[in-house]
Protein backbone atom coordinates (compact mmCIF):
# COMPACT_ATOMS: atom_id res chain seq x y z
CA MET A 1 30.17 26.01 80.54
CA ILE A 2 32.67 24.00 78.65
CA LYS A 3 30.20 21.57 78.06
CA LYS A 4 27.18 23.21 77.24
CA ILE A 5 29.38 25.03 74.29
CA ASP A 6 30.02 21.41 73.11
CA GLU A 7 26.96 20.43 73.72
CA LYS A 8 25.46 22.73 71.37
CA LYS A 9 28.42 21.96 68.59
CA GLU A 10 27.39 18.69 68.35
CA VAL A 11 23.84 19.17 68.60
CA LYS A 12 24.21 21.66 65.44
CA GLU A 13 26.99 19.34 63.48
CA LYS A 14 24.26 16.50 63.75
CA VAL A 15 21.43 18.90 62.65
CA ASP A 16 24.12 20.16 59.72
CA GLN A 17 24.92 15.80 59.03
CA THR A 18 21.09 15.42 59.03
CA LYS A 19 20.78 18.70 56.25
CA LYS A 20 23.21 17.18 54.38
CA ILE A 21 21.55 13.50 53.97
CA ASN A 22 18.71 15.34 53.68
CA VAL A 23 19.98 17.35 50.27
CA GLY A 24 21.98 13.99 49.26
CA LYS A 25 18.66 12.49 49.13
CA LYS A 26 16.57 14.93 47.21
CA GLN A 27 19.02 15.53 44.02
CA ASN A 28 20.01 11.34 44.38
CA LEU A 29 15.66 11.56 43.52
CA GLN A 30 15.77 14.45 41.56
CA LEU A 31 18.91 12.62 39.18
CA ILE A 32 16.49 9.28 39.14
CA TRP A 33 13.67 11.27 38.25
CA ILE A 34 16.06 13.07 35.07
CA VAL A 35 17.55 10.21 33.85
CA GLY A 36 13.97 8.19 33.53
CA LEU A 37 12.68 11.54 32.79
CA MET A 38 16.17 10.31 29.64
CA ALA A 39 14.74 7.06 29.45
CA ALA A 40 11.11 8.23 28.15
CA ILE A 41 11.63 10.30 25.37
CA ILE A 42 14.31 7.81 24.43
CA VAL A 43 12.36 5.05 23.87
CA ILE A 44 8.77 7.91 22.75
CA ILE A 45 12.18 9.15 20.34
CA ILE A 46 13.33 5.45 19.24
CA VAL A 47 11.36 2.77 20.74
CA VAL A 48 7.39 4.22 19.89
CA PRO A 49 8.41 4.10 15.61
CA ILE A 50 8.79 0.79 15.43
CA ILE A 51 7.18 -0.58 17.41
CA LYS A 52 3.92 1.35 15.32
CA HIS A 53 5.17 0.59 12.32
CA GLU A 54 6.15 -3.28 13.20
CA LEU A 55 2.26 -3.48 14.49
CA PHE A 56 0.63 -0.52 11.78
CA ASP A 57 2.62 -0.04 8.66
CA LYS A 58 2.72 -3.48 8.01
CA PHE A 59 0.44 -5.66 7.53
CA ASP A 60 -1.00 -9.76 5.09
CA TYR A 61 -3.54 -9.08 3.00
CA MET A 62 -3.91 -11.60 0.15
CA LYS A 63 -1.11 -13.79 1.08
CA LEU A 64 1.64 -10.81 0.02
CA SER A 65 2.97 -8.77 3.07
CA PHE A 66 2.58 -5.68 2.38
CA GLU A 67 4.39 -2.08 3.71
CA LYS A 68 3.03 1.51 4.69
CA THR A 69 5.92 3.43 3.80
CA ILE A 70 5.70 8.22 3.04
CA THR A 71 8.01 9.85 0.22
CA GLY A 72 7.89 13.43 1.43
CA ASP A 73 3.80 14.20 1.47
CA THR A 74 3.26 10.74 -0.44
CA ILE A 75 1.74 7.05 1.37
CA PHE A 76 3.11 4.54 -0.86
CA TYR A 77 2.00 0.77 0.10
CA THR A 78 4.70 -2.11 -1.66
CA THR A 79 4.57 -5.42 -1.43
CA ASN A 80 7.09 -7.79 -2.67
CA ILE A 81 5.33 -10.47 -5.99
CA PRO A 82 7.09 -13.38 -6.28
CA VAL A 83 8.34 -14.28 -9.14
CA VAL A 84 8.26 -18.21 -10.66
CA GLU A 85 10.23 -19.55 -14.01
CA GLN A 86 9.74 -23.27 -14.75
CA ASN A 87 8.35 -23.49 -10.71
CA ILE A 88 11.16 -21.98 -9.32
CA ILE A 89 11.25 -18.90 -7.97
CA SER A 90 14.18 -16.58 -8.95
CA GLY A 91 12.97 -12.81 -7.42
CA ASP A 92 10.56 -10.97 -6.05
CA TYR A 93 8.54 -8.26 -8.49
CA LEU A 94 8.29 -5.21 -6.05
CA ILE A 95 5.19 -2.78 -6.17
CA TYR A 96 3.79 -0.02 -5.40
CA PHE A 97 -0.11 1.11 -4.55
CA ARG A 98 -0.74 4.51 -4.00
CA ASN A 99 -4.43 2.82 -1.73
CA ASP A 100 -4.64 0.90 1.47
CA PRO A 101 -5.64 -2.65 -0.11
CA ARG A 102 -7.27 -3.29 2.14
CA GLU A 103 -9.59 -0.39 1.75
CA LEU A 104 -11.12 -1.90 -1.84
CA GLU A 105 -12.60 -4.08 -0.49
CA ASN A 106 -15.33 -1.60 -0.85
CA ILE A 107 -15.24 -1.61 -4.79
CA SER A 108 -17.62 -3.57 -6.43
CA VAL A 109 -16.65 -6.67 -8.83
CA GLU A 110 -19.38 -8.13 -10.53
CA GLU A 111 -19.73 -11.34 -8.77
CA LYS A 112 -19.86 -13.54 -12.61
CA ILE A 113 -15.91 -13.30 -12.73
CA GLU A 114 -15.77 -14.43 -9.39
CA ASP A 115 -17.30 -17.49 -10.55
CA ASP A 116 -14.93 -17.69 -13.04
CA GLY A 117 -12.35 -17.50 -11.51
CA GLY A 118 -11.07 -14.27 -11.84
CA ILE A 119 -9.60 -12.56 -14.24
CA LYS A 120 -8.03 -14.55 -17.56
CA PHE A 121 -5.89 -13.37 -20.17
CA ILE A 122 -5.87 -14.42 -23.90
CA LYS A 123 -2.26 -14.91 -22.69
CA LYS A 124 -0.56 -15.23 -26.60
CA ASN A 125 -2.33 -12.89 -28.59
CA THR A 126 -2.09 -8.29 -27.48
CA VAL A 127 -4.22 -6.76 -24.36
CA TYR A 128 -5.63 -3.67 -25.28
CA ILE A 129 -6.74 -0.92 -22.35
CA SER A 130 -9.56 0.56 -24.60
CA ILE A 131 -9.77 4.34 -23.65
CA ASP A 132 -12.94 6.05 -23.07
CA PRO A 133 -12.14 9.67 -25.35
CA TYR A 134 -15.04 11.26 -23.36
CA MET A 135 -14.56 9.82 -19.40
CA THR A 136 -14.14 12.52 -16.86
CA SER A 137 -10.09 13.85 -17.43
CA CYS A 138 -8.36 13.90 -14.13
CA ASP A 139 -4.94 14.84 -12.69
CA GLU A 140 -4.30 10.80 -12.10
CA ASN A 141 -5.56 9.25 -15.01
CA SER A 142 -2.54 9.19 -17.28
CA VAL A 143 -0.59 8.15 -13.86
CA ALA A 144 -3.37 5.82 -13.54
CA LEU A 145 -2.88 4.06 -17.00
CA PHE A 146 0.23 3.93 -17.03
CA VAL A 147 0.54 2.07 -13.72
CA LEU A 148 -1.33 -0.89 -15.42
CA GLY A 149 -0.46 -0.86 -18.84
CA SER A 150 3.66 -1.67 -16.75
CA PHE A 151 2.21 -4.34 -15.60
CA LEU A 152 0.79 -6.15 -17.80
CA LYS A 153 3.83 -5.50 -19.34
CA ASP A 154 6.15 -6.56 -15.96
CA PHE A 155 4.27 -9.69 -16.23
CA GLY A 156 4.73 -10.71 -19.99
CA LEU A 157 1.76 -9.42 -21.63
CA ASN A 158 1.54 -7.66 -24.85
CA VAL A 159 -0.06 -4.17 -24.09
CA LYS A 160 -1.21 -2.00 -26.25
CA SER A 161 -3.77 0.69 -25.98
CA GLY A 162 -7.35 1.36 -27.41
CA PHE A 163 -9.88 3.67 -28.17
CA SER A 164 -13.25 2.22 -27.62
CA ASP A 165 -15.12 5.43 -29.79
CA PRO A 166 -15.20 4.06 -33.62
CA ASP A 167 -15.65 7.96 -34.61
CA TYR A 168 -12.90 9.36 -32.47
CA ILE A 169 -9.69 8.09 -33.66
CA LYS A 170 -8.94 5.66 -36.48
CA SER A 171 -4.89 4.43 -36.54
CA ASP A 172 -2.90 1.58 -36.19
CA GLU A 173 -1.16 3.10 -33.26
CA PHE A 174 -4.70 3.74 -31.44
CA PRO A 175 -6.38 1.88 -33.06
CA TYR A 176 -11.02 1.49 -32.23
CA ILE A 177 -11.31 -2.00 -29.20
CA ASN A 178 -14.25 -2.52 -27.92
CA CYS A 179 -15.61 -5.79 -26.16
CA GLU A 180 -16.88 -7.45 -29.77
CA HIS A 181 -12.34 -8.05 -29.95
CA SER A 182 -12.50 -9.68 -27.34
CA LYS A 183 -13.15 -13.45 -28.33
CA SER A 184 -9.47 -13.22 -29.87
CA ASN A 185 -8.07 -10.80 -27.20
CA THR A 186 -8.14 -9.31 -23.61
CA VAL A 187 -9.81 -5.33 -23.65
CA ILE A 188 -9.47 -3.95 -20.51
CA LYS A 189 -11.64 -0.67 -21.00
CA ILE A 190 -11.42 2.37 -19.34
CA THR A 191 -14.67 4.65 -17.97
CA SER A 192 -16.61 6.39 -15.88
CA GLY A 193 -19.48 6.54 -14.44
CA ASP A 194 -21.32 6.48 -11.53
CA GLU A 195 -20.16 3.37 -9.12
CA THR A 196 -16.50 2.86 -9.24
CA LYS A 197 -16.38 -1.23 -10.35
CA ILE A 198 -14.71 -3.51 -11.66
CA ASP A 199 -17.31 -6.02 -14.50
CA ARG A 200 -17.43 -8.50 -17.00
CA GLU A 201 -18.93 -7.01 -20.63
CA ILE A 202 -18.58 -10.08 -23.04
CA GLY A 203 -15.55 -12.87 -23.67
CA ASN A 204 -12.35 -11.08 -21.77
CA CYS A 205 -13.37 -7.80 -21.79
CA TYR A 206 -13.18 -6.35 -18.45
CA VAL A 207 -14.06 -2.71 -18.01
CA ILE A 208 -12.79 -0.21 -14.85
CA THR A 209 -14.90 2.32 -13.96
CA TYR A 210 -14.41 5.08 -11.98
CA LYS A 211 -16.38 8.32 -10.14
CA ASP A 212 -15.19 11.91 -9.33
CA CYS A 213 -11.68 11.01 -10.78
CA GLU A 214 -11.06 7.43 -8.98
CA ILE A 215 -9.34 5.97 -11.04
CA GLN A 216 -6.00 4.74 -9.79
CA LYS A 217 -8.48 3.04 -6.61
CA GLY A 218 -10.76 1.37 -9.52
CA VAL A 219 -6.94 0.50 -11.54
CA GLU A 220 -5.59 -0.77 -7.90
CA LYS A 221 -8.45 -3.06 -7.41
CA PHE A 222 -8.00 -4.87 -11.11
CA ILE A 223 -3.93 -5.21 -9.95
CA LEU A 224 -4.99 -6.74 -7.25
CA LEU A 225 -7.57 -9.19 -9.06
CA ILE A 226 -5.31 -10.49 -10.46
CA LEU A 227 -2.62 -11.30 -7.72
CA GLU A 228 -5.64 -13.12 -5.95
CA ASP A 229 -5.69 -15.88 -9.04
CA TYR A 230 -1.42 -15.63 -9.30
CA MET A 231 -0.64 -16.30 -5.41
CA ASP A 232 -3.48 -18.65 -5.20
CA TYR A 233 -2.02 -20.57 -8.13
CA PHE A 234 1.73 -19.86 -6.24
CA GLU A 235 0.53 -21.80 -3.46
CA LYS A 236 -0.99 -24.60 -5.03
CA ALA A 237 2.18 -24.49 -6.98
CA ASN A 238 4.17 -24.94 -4.10
């Protein structure tokens, strides 16, 4: 009788021990699963944004390295342009674009601009931005014109504004300026039309035409044309 009781007790102890082992294995599996899930969450939160930033938010275009940045609800595409003084790199010039430069490829540029070696400036004389007073009024007009003027000034050009209609305003501050003045001055005309494009009329007179309030795209494409020539020169010089 006592032997049977001992046998039952031994069997019960073995069963309890087996249950404990199984419970321990289950807990270990749960712990491994939890740790793996936490590691996956960390990868998603930290690593994935880094990979996205490096692979998708950075890109090379036109011999420049661009980076996509988001400030509030606004997306910018920034790049640093090497500044050269007396054949020595003296620093960088940071420039912001509102549009992805790669997406501006579809903006038409008149062939003779490229055939003539790009945008040319008469650097010793004033560069005029000539505004069509009757062009389509858009929210981005003032910003786009400011960006263009600031960019040209930062590159050492003397920039003034004028109007392309002789009957609109005549003054020393905002004179009448048209392509006929491009013999001695570089003229950049801004107007609206049925296509966003960049043309050259005569001499050093360039026309930025925009449709559907795409003035920012037209201006940025014009700036990219200048930078393309600049980077070609920079690469050859270095």
